[in-house]
Amino acid sequence: MSPASELRLCCPAQSRYVAPARHTLASFLRALRFDRELLEDVTTAAGEAMANVVEHAYARGRKTTSGHLELRAKLLSDGNLSVDVVDGGSFVERKPVPGRGFGLRIIRAIAGQLRIETEQGTRVRMTFTP
């Protein structure tokens, strides 16, 4: 695996782009020879983060009702994988709703590390150890 290995995608923050982005991420991970279990974990976590962007980042009633999402995956020099999902919208803190709100919980359970930055849009940074 090459430390220079990196994937960058940018697309509209619409649900129809989430599955193709996940498939592209899976192809990137297969090219790096990640095992199937880790590949599934990474694509699940990234898919949850992208779904959150689609549903929440550009919600109606805010300044912007449409926007973009970015998916970035990079093999770090220490062998770990960093995956960022970035948007230009607003991060939403919500009260628990029965049957909803599992996205960040799923990501926290799967990723080795999770960091959420909300200064300029939202960046969800997940780190995975192969």
Protein backbone atom coordinates (compact mmCIF):
# COMPACT_ATOMS: atom_id res chain seq x y z
CA MET A 1 0.00 0.00 0.00
CA SER A 2 1.38 3.35 -1.03
CA PRO A 3 1.34 6.27 1.45
CA ALA A 4 0.44 8.53 -1.49
CA SER A 5 -2.85 6.70 -2.09
CA GLU A 6 -5.76 9.12 -1.97
CA LEU A 7 -9.35 9.35 -3.21
CA ARG A 8 -11.26 12.64 -3.59
CA LEU A 9 -14.86 12.93 -4.76
CA CYS A 10 -17.17 15.92 -4.84
CA CYS A 11 -20.83 15.66 -5.79
CA PRO A 12 -24.19 17.29 -5.11
CA ALA A 13 -25.56 16.53 -1.64
CA GLN A 14 -28.37 14.38 -3.00
CA SER A 15 -29.27 10.83 -2.02
CA ARG A 16 -28.79 9.47 -5.55
CA TYR A 17 -25.03 10.17 -5.29
CA VAL A 18 -24.40 8.36 -2.00
CA ALA A 19 -24.41 4.79 -3.36
CA PRO A 20 -22.08 5.57 -6.29
CA ALA A 21 -19.70 7.35 -3.88
CA ARG A 22 -19.73 4.30 -1.59
CA HIS A 23 -19.02 2.01 -4.56
CA THR A 24 -16.11 4.21 -5.62
CA LEU A 25 -14.73 4.13 -2.07
CA ALA A 26 -15.05 0.33 -2.04
CA SER A 27 -13.15 0.11 -5.34
CA PHE A 28 -10.41 2.34 -3.92
CA LEU A 29 -10.11 0.11 -0.85
CA ARG A 30 -10.05 -3.07 -2.97
CA ALA A 31 -7.22 -1.56 -5.03
CA LEU A 32 -5.33 -1.04 -1.75
CA ARG A 33 -6.05 -4.69 -0.83
CA PHE A 34 -8.10 -3.95 2.28
CA ASP A 35 -9.82 -7.04 3.60
CA ARG A 36 -13.55 -7.42 3.06
CA GLU A 37 -14.58 -6.83 6.69
CA LEU A 38 -12.71 -3.53 6.96
CA LEU A 39 -13.92 -2.49 3.51
CA GLU A 40 -17.52 -3.03 4.61
CA ASP A 41 -16.96 -1.17 7.88
CA VAL A 42 -15.38 1.82 6.13
CA THR A 43 -18.06 2.04 3.42
CA THR A 44 -20.84 1.68 6.01
CA ALA A 45 -19.43 4.48 8.18
CA ALA A 46 -18.81 6.75 5.18
CA GLY A 47 -22.30 6.00 3.86
CA GLU A 48 -23.84 7.01 7.19
CA ALA A 49 -21.87 10.26 7.20
CA MET A 50 -22.88 11.04 3.61
CA ALA A 51 -26.53 10.25 4.37
CA ASN A 52 -26.34 12.71 7.26
CA VAL A 53 -25.10 15.40 4.88
CA VAL A 54 -27.97 14.73 2.48
CA GLU A 55 -30.58 14.78 5.24
CA HIS A 56 -29.32 17.50 7.56
CA ALA A 57 -26.57 19.78 6.21
CA TYR A 58 -28.67 21.77 3.79
CA ALA A 59 -32.07 21.43 5.46
CA ARG A 60 -34.87 23.76 4.46
CA GLY A 61 -35.22 26.86 6.57
CA ARG A 62 -31.48 27.48 6.52
CA LYS A 63 -29.49 29.85 4.32
CA THR A 64 -28.68 27.14 1.77
CA THR A 65 -31.06 24.39 0.69
CA SER A 66 -28.68 22.60 -1.68
CA GLY A 67 -24.99 22.09 -1.73
CA HIS A 68 -22.20 19.62 -2.15
CA LEU A 69 -20.58 16.82 -0.26
CA GLU A 70 -16.99 15.72 -0.48
CA LEU A 71 -15.59 12.30 0.25
CA ARG A 72 -11.86 12.04 0.86
CA ALA A 73 -10.00 8.87 1.74
CA LYS A 74 -6.27 8.74 2.31
CA LEU A 75 -3.86 6.08 3.34
CA LEU A 76 -1.68 7.68 6.01
CA SER A 77 2.05 7.11 6.43
CA ASP A 78 1.38 5.08 9.60
CA GLY A 79 -0.79 2.63 7.62
CA ASN A 80 -4.09 3.92 8.97
CA LEU A 81 -6.89 5.08 6.71
CA SER A 82 -8.39 8.55 7.10
CA VAL A 83 -11.86 9.14 5.63
CA ASP A 84 -13.43 12.60 5.61
CA VAL A 85 -16.97 13.54 4.67
CA VAL A 86 -17.21 17.29 4.23
CA ASP A 87 -20.04 19.70 3.48
CA GLY A 88 -20.63 23.44 3.43
CA GLY A 89 -23.83 23.27 5.46
CA SER A 90 -24.72 23.31 9.14
CA PHE A 91 -24.15 20.63 11.75
CA VAL A 92 -27.37 19.76 13.55
CA GLU A 93 -27.48 18.67 17.19
CA ARG A 94 -30.78 16.88 17.65
CA LYS A 95 -32.61 15.48 20.63
CA PRO A 96 -33.02 11.71 20.48
CA VAL A 97 -36.02 10.55 18.46
CA PRO A 98 -37.18 6.94 18.85
CA GLY A 99 -36.07 4.87 15.87
CA ARG A 100 -33.85 7.65 14.47
CA GLY A 101 -30.41 9.09 15.03
CA PHE A 102 -28.22 6.02 14.71
CA GLY A 103 -25.79 7.36 12.09
CA LEU A 104 -23.18 8.85 14.41
CA ARG A 105 -23.57 5.95 16.83
CA ILE A 106 -22.83 3.52 14.02
CA ILE A 107 -19.82 5.56 12.92
CA ARG A 108 -18.48 5.73 16.49
CA ALA A 109 -18.85 1.96 16.85
CA ILE A 110 -17.01 1.24 13.58
CA ALA A 111 -14.26 3.87 13.30
CA GLY A 112 -11.16 3.73 15.45
CA GLN A 113 -11.41 7.50 15.88
CA LEU A 114 -14.08 10.04 15.04
CA ARG A 115 -13.71 13.81 15.01
CA ILE A 116 -16.38 16.30 13.98
CA GLU A 117 -15.35 19.84 13.03
CA THR A 118 -18.03 22.48 12.50
CA GLU A 119 -16.14 25.75 11.93
CA GLN A 120 -16.71 26.05 8.16
CA GLY A 121 -19.44 23.63 7.22
CA THR A 122 -18.98 20.20 8.75
CA ARG A 123 -16.11 17.74 8.48
CA VAL A 124 -16.57 14.22 9.82
CA ARG A 125 -13.12 12.64 10.05
CA MET A 126 -12.97 8.90 10.63
CA THR A 127 -9.77 6.94 11.13
CA PHE A 128 -9.54 3.20 10.62
CA THR A 129 -6.71 0.82 11.48
CA PRO A 130 -6.27 -2.08 9.06
